[in-house]
Amino acid sequence: VQLVESGGGLVQAGGSLRLSCAASGRTFSAYATGWFRQAPGKEREFVAAISWSGGVTRYADSVKGRFTISRDIAKNTAYLQINSLKPEDTAVYYCARSQDAIARIDTHGYDYWGQGTQVTVSS
């Protein structure tokens, strides 16, 4: 399984981005998908996750109401719509495939990771 993120960039505070995560090899369809981020000098943290069915989504408190996770099974792609960006959202964003169908919030529950895409928010 290979995961490739895209869509990051430099934006002003208050702006929006849509991150994509394209999967090759085995599909997302039977597994949950998660997004995580890592800022310089900090540990990787949970951002959002979606169950295999798409019926369950989970978000970190810091992004609720601003970020939306979704998937297009036909395209084998997951998305993270990020709105109302803040400077503290600056980080490398990673997508990951869960070990099962559950939308988990811990990194240990994910077995495949992308290389990450940089999001930088200027104030």
Protein backbone atom coordinates (compact mmCIF):
# COMPACT_ATOMS: atom_id res chain seq x y z
CA VAL A 1 0.00 0.00 0.00
CA GLN A 2 1.29 3.43 -0.93
CA LEU A 3 -0.24 6.66 0.29
CA VAL A 4 0.58 9.98 -1.34
CA GLU A 5 -0.58 13.26 0.17
CA SER A 6 -0.95 16.49 -1.76
CA GLY A 7 -2.58 19.88 -1.45
CA GLY A 8 -0.42 21.50 1.18
CA GLY A 9 0.99 24.97 0.82
CA LEU A 10 1.45 28.41 2.29
CA VAL A 11 -1.74 30.25 3.18
CA GLN A 12 -2.73 33.25 5.26
CA ALA A 13 -4.60 32.84 8.50
CA GLY A 14 -8.28 32.38 7.82
CA GLY A 15 -7.65 30.65 4.53
CA SER A 16 -8.51 27.14 3.40
CA LEU A 17 -6.82 24.14 1.88
CA ARG A 18 -7.97 20.74 0.72
CA LEU A 19 -5.52 17.94 1.34
CA SER A 20 -5.76 14.72 -0.65
CA CYS A 21 -4.43 11.27 0.08
CA ALA A 22 -4.29 8.91 -2.87
CA ALA A 23 -3.87 5.21 -2.17
CA SER A 24 -2.42 2.60 -4.47
CA GLY A 25 -2.26 -1.11 -3.88
CA ARG A 26 -4.91 -2.33 -1.48
CA THR A 27 -7.83 0.02 -1.20
CA PHE A 28 -9.20 2.06 1.65
CA SER A 29 -12.57 0.36 1.40
CA ALA A 30 -12.19 -2.11 4.25
CA TYR A 31 -10.14 0.12 6.52
CA ALA A 32 -10.46 3.36 8.39
CA THR A 33 -8.37 6.35 7.37
CA GLY A 34 -6.76 8.95 9.56
CA TRP A 35 -5.02 12.28 9.28
CA PHE A 36 -2.28 13.31 11.67
CA ARG A 37 0.09 16.27 11.84
CA GLN A 38 3.48 17.03 13.25
CA ALA A 39 4.83 20.48 13.98
CA PRO A 40 8.56 21.14 14.43
CA GLY A 41 9.77 19.94 17.79
CA LYS A 42 6.44 18.32 18.64
CA GLU A 43 5.08 14.81 18.58
CA ARG A 44 2.78 13.62 15.84
CA GLU A 45 -0.81 14.29 16.84
CA PHE A 46 -4.20 13.05 15.77
CA VAL A 47 -6.29 15.35 13.58
CA ALA A 48 -9.20 13.38 12.14
CA ALA A 49 -10.31 9.86 11.24
CA ILE A 50 -13.10 8.22 9.29
CA SER A 51 -14.36 4.66 9.64
CA TRP A 52 -14.37 2.19 6.77
CA SER A 53 -18.05 2.78 6.18
CA GLY A 54 -17.64 6.52 6.30
CA GLY A 55 -20.36 6.62 8.90
CA VAL A 56 -18.14 7.53 11.82
CA THR A 57 -15.81 10.51 11.91
CA ARG A 58 -13.66 11.70 14.78
CA TYR A 59 -11.81 14.97 15.23
CA ALA A 60 -9.30 16.47 17.59
CA ASP A 61 -10.87 19.19 19.72
CA SER A 62 -8.51 21.75 18.23
CA VAL A 63 -9.92 21.26 14.72
CA LYS A 64 -13.61 20.53 15.32
CA GLY A 65 -15.82 22.76 13.25
CA ARG A 66 -12.94 23.77 10.97
CA PHE A 67 -11.71 20.48 9.46
CA THR A 68 -13.73 17.88 7.57
CA ILE A 69 -12.53 14.40 6.66
CA SER A 70 -14.07 12.49 3.78
CA ARG A 71 -13.33 9.67 1.34
CA ASP A 72 -14.11 8.76 -2.23
CA ILE A 73 -13.91 4.98 -2.37
CA ALA A 74 -14.23 4.91 -6.14
CA LYS A 75 -11.18 7.15 -6.45
CA ASN A 76 -9.35 5.45 -3.58
CA THR A 77 -8.70 8.87 -2.16
CA ALA A 78 -9.21 10.49 1.22
CA TYR A 79 -9.55 14.21 1.80
CA LEU A 80 -9.10 16.71 4.58
CA GLN A 81 -10.82 20.03 4.06
CA ILE A 82 -9.26 22.57 6.37
CA ASN A 83 -10.90 25.96 6.85
CA SER A 84 -10.30 28.99 9.05
CA LEU A 85 -6.63 28.14 9.24
CA LYS A 86 -4.61 29.39 12.18
CA PRO A 87 -0.83 29.76 12.52
CA GLU A 88 -0.89 26.92 15.06
CA ASP A 89 -2.14 24.61 12.32
CA THR A 90 1.28 24.84 10.69
CA ALA A 91 2.67 21.30 10.45
CA VAL A 92 3.39 18.42 8.15
CA TYR A 93 0.13 16.57 7.59
CA TYR A 94 0.12 12.80 7.15
CA CYS A 95 -2.59 10.41 6.09
CA ALA A 96 -2.59 6.83 7.29
CA ARG A 97 -4.53 3.62 6.82
CA SER A 98 -5.87 1.97 9.93
CA GLN A 99 -5.23 -1.66 10.78
CA ASP A 100 -8.97 -2.24 10.75
CA ALA A 101 -12.31 -0.58 10.16
CA ILE A 102 -12.28 1.55 13.30
CA ALA A 103 -11.57 5.28 13.22
CA ARG A 104 -8.77 5.36 15.76
CA ILE A 105 -7.10 8.38 17.29
CA ASP A 106 -3.77 6.82 18.24
CA THR A 107 -0.88 6.44 15.81
CA HIS A 108 -0.34 2.82 16.84
CA GLY A 109 -3.58 1.86 15.20
CA TYR A 110 -2.27 2.70 11.73
CA ASP A 111 0.05 0.57 9.66
CA TYR A 112 0.59 2.52 6.45
CA TRP A 113 1.62 6.16 6.25
CA GLY A 114 2.17 8.70 3.54
CA GLN A 115 5.21 10.93 3.25
CA GLY A 116 3.37 14.03 4.40
CA THR A 117 2.48 17.40 2.95
CA GLN A 118 3.53 20.71 4.48
CA VAL A 119 0.92 23.23 5.57
CA THR A 120 2.21 26.64 6.59
CA VAL A 121 -0.13 29.33 7.88
CA SER A 122 1.10 32.90 8.07
CA SER A 123 -0.36 35.39 10.49
